[in-house]
C-alpha atoms as a PDB file:
ATOM      1  CA  UNK A   1     171.958 104.934 106.984  1.00  0.00           C
ATOM      2  CA  UNK A   2     174.377 107.256 105.316  1.00  0.00           C
ATOM      3  CA  UNK A   3     173.621 110.921 104.687  1.00  0.00           C
ATOM      4  CA  UNK A   4     175.780 113.627 103.123  1.00  0.00           C
ATOM      5  CA  UNK A   5     177.044 114.852 106.487  1.00  0.00           C
ATOM      6  CA  UNK A   6     178.136 111.425 107.733  1.00  0.00           C
ATOM      7  CA  UNK A   7     179.695 110.628 104.353  1.00  0.00           C
ATOM      8  CA  UNK A   8     181.619 113.927 104.467  1.00  0.00           C
ATOM      9  CA  UNK A   9     182.897 113.197 107.963  1.00  0.00           C
ATOM     10  CA  UNK A  10     183.979 109.697 106.984  1.00  0.00           C
ATOM     11  CA  UNK A  11     185.736 110.943 103.813  1.00  0.00           C
ATOM     12  CA  UNK A  12     187.630 113.561 105.823  1.00  0.00           C
ATOM     13  CA  UNK A  13     188.560 110.862 108.354  1.00  0.00           C
ATOM     14  CA  UNK A  14     189.843 108.682 105.494  1.00  0.00           C
ATOM     15  CA  UNK A  15     191.958 111.577 104.220  1.00  0.00           C
ATOM     16  CA  UNK A  16     193.391 112.083 107.692  1.00  0.00           C
ATOM     17  CA  UNK A  17     194.202 108.371 107.920  1.00  0.00           C
ATOM     18  CA  UNK A  18     195.958 108.686 104.562  1.00  0.00           C
ATOM     19  CA  UNK A  19     198.270 111.281 106.091  1.00  0.00           C
ATOM     20  CA  UNK A  20     196.531 114.588 105.488  1.00  0.00           C
ATOM     21  CA  UNK A  21     195.884 115.369 109.133  1.00  0.00           C
ATOM     22  CA  UNK A  22     197.964 118.543 109.386  1.00  0.00           C
ATOM     23  CA  UNK A  23     195.883 120.507 106.879  1.00  0.00           C
ATOM     24  CA  UNK A  24     192.373 121.893 107.408  1.00  0.00           C
ATOM     25  CA  UNK A  25     190.035 119.817 105.230  1.00  0.00           C
ATOM     26  CA  UNK A  26     186.766 121.149 103.826  1.00  0.00           C
ATOM     27  CA  UNK A  27     184.520 120.128 100.962  1.00  0.00           C
ATOM     28  CA  UNK A  28     186.287 122.623  98.696  1.00  0.00           C
ATOM     29  CA  UNK A  29     189.781 121.287  99.431  1.00  0.00           C
ATOM     30  CA  UNK A  30     191.411 120.272  96.139  1.00  0.00           C
ATOM     31  CA  UNK A  31     193.229 116.973  96.513  1.00  0.00           C
ATOM     32  CA  UNK A  32     195.911 117.834  93.982  1.00  0.00           C
ATOM     33  CA  UNK A  33     196.365 121.597  94.372  1.00  0.00           C
ATOM     34  CA  UNK A  34     195.844 121.943  98.127  1.00  0.00           C
ATOM     35  CA  UNK A  35     197.072 118.571  99.387  1.00  0.00           C
ATOM     36  CA  UNK A  36     199.576 117.669  96.665  1.00  0.00           C
ATOM     37  CA  UNK A  37     198.188 114.123  96.483  1.00  0.00           C
ATOM     38  CA  UNK A  38     200.376 111.703  94.520  1.00  0.00           C
ATOM     39  CA  UNK A  39     199.600 108.299  93.002  1.00  0.00           C
ATOM     40  CA  UNK A  40     200.523 106.420  96.182  1.00  0.00           C
ATOM     41  CA  UNK A  41     198.218 108.669  98.213  1.00  0.00           C
ATOM     42  CA  UNK A  42     195.406 107.966  95.739  1.00  0.00           C
ATOM     43  CA  UNK A  43     195.847 104.212  96.181  1.00  0.00           C
ATOM     44  CA  UNK A  44     195.870 104.570  99.986  1.00  0.00           C
ATOM     45  CA  UNK A  45     192.785 106.788  99.902  1.00  0.00           C
ATOM     46  CA  UNK A  46     190.992 104.384  97.581  1.00  0.00           C
ATOM     47  CA  UNK A  47     191.650 101.467  99.936  1.00  0.00           C
ATOM     48  CA  UNK A  48     190.526 103.511 102.957  1.00  0.00           C
ATOM     49  CA  UNK A  49     187.313 104.570 101.205  1.00  0.00           C
ATOM     50  CA  UNK A  50     186.529 101.058  99.968  1.00  0.00           C
ATOM     51  CA  UNK A  51     186.990  99.650 103.467  1.00  0.00           C
ATOM     52  CA  UNK A  52     185.135 102.484 105.217  1.00  0.00           C
ATOM     53  CA  UNK A  53     182.076 102.384 102.972  1.00  0.00           C
ATOM     54  CA  UNK A  54     182.247  98.722 101.878  1.00  0.00           C
ATOM     55  CA  UNK A  55     182.174  99.673  98.196  1.00  0.00           C
ATOM     56  CA  UNK A  56     184.394  99.074  95.192  1.00  0.00           C
ATOM     57  CA  UNK A  57     185.861 102.028  93.319  1.00  0.00           C
ATOM     58  CA  UNK A  58     187.156 101.689  89.789  1.00  0.00           C
ATOM     59  CA  UNK A  59     189.822 103.716  88.005  1.00  0.00           C
ATOM     60  CA  UNK A  60     187.256 105.974  86.307  1.00  0.00           C
ATOM     61  CA  UNK A  61     185.773 106.862  89.693  1.00  0.00           C
ATOM     62  CA  UNK A  62     189.165 107.850  91.029  1.00  0.00           C
ATOM     63  CA  UNK A  63     190.187 109.840  87.946  1.00  0.00           C
ATOM     64  CA  UNK A  64     187.022 111.940  88.159  1.00  0.00           C
ATOM     65  CA  UNK A  65     187.695 113.357  91.624  1.00  0.00           C
ATOM     66  CA  UNK A  66     189.404 116.671  92.265  1.00  0.00           C
ATOM     67  CA  UNK A  67     187.945 117.956  95.523  1.00  0.00           C
ATOM     68  CA  UNK A  68     186.730 116.475  98.784  1.00  0.00           C
ATOM     69  CA  UNK A  69     183.207 117.297  97.615  1.00  0.00           C
ATOM     70  CA  UNK A  70     183.805 115.222  94.460  1.00  0.00           C
ATOM     71  CA  UNK A  71     184.747 112.286  96.682  1.00  0.00           C
ATOM     72  CA  UNK A  72     181.626 112.749  98.809  1.00  0.00           C
ATOM     73  CA  UNK A  73     179.398 112.907  95.716  1.00  0.00           C
ATOM     74  CA  UNK A  74     181.040 109.812  94.241  1.00  0.00           C
ATOM     75  CA  UNK A  75     180.524 107.886  97.499  1.00  0.00           C
ATOM     76  CA  UNK A  76     176.883 109.030  97.679  1.00  0.00           C
ATOM     77  CA  UNK A  77     176.309 107.760  94.157  1.00  0.00           C
ATOM     78  CA  UNK A  78     178.009 104.410  94.872  1.00  0.00           C
ATOM     79  CA  UNK A  79     175.932 103.902  98.019  1.00  0.00           C
ATOM     80  CA  UNK A  80     172.680 104.698  96.203  1.00  0.00           C
ATOM     81  CA  UNK A  81     173.546 102.579  93.153  1.00  0.00           C
ATOM     82  CA  UNK A  82     175.877  99.825  94.320  1.00  0.00           C
ATOM     83  CA  UNK A  83     175.748  97.842  91.064  1.00  0.00           C
END
């Protein structure tokens, strides 16, 4: 069963797999301001998250995220309401 802590760890792992392993990552890390994420990074992260959590993310989900915490909250919501 997923909880906020395990989701957070898995999201941070997905970010590291996407190439952001040289920067300290916290829930307040801004993907665009702190990590300088570009469109290719977003696609890679989306694929990593979909595979890690076995969910499907749509464009609106991705556009709404700014911080690591936003990603965690989005994943929590998807896991609770998969439809």
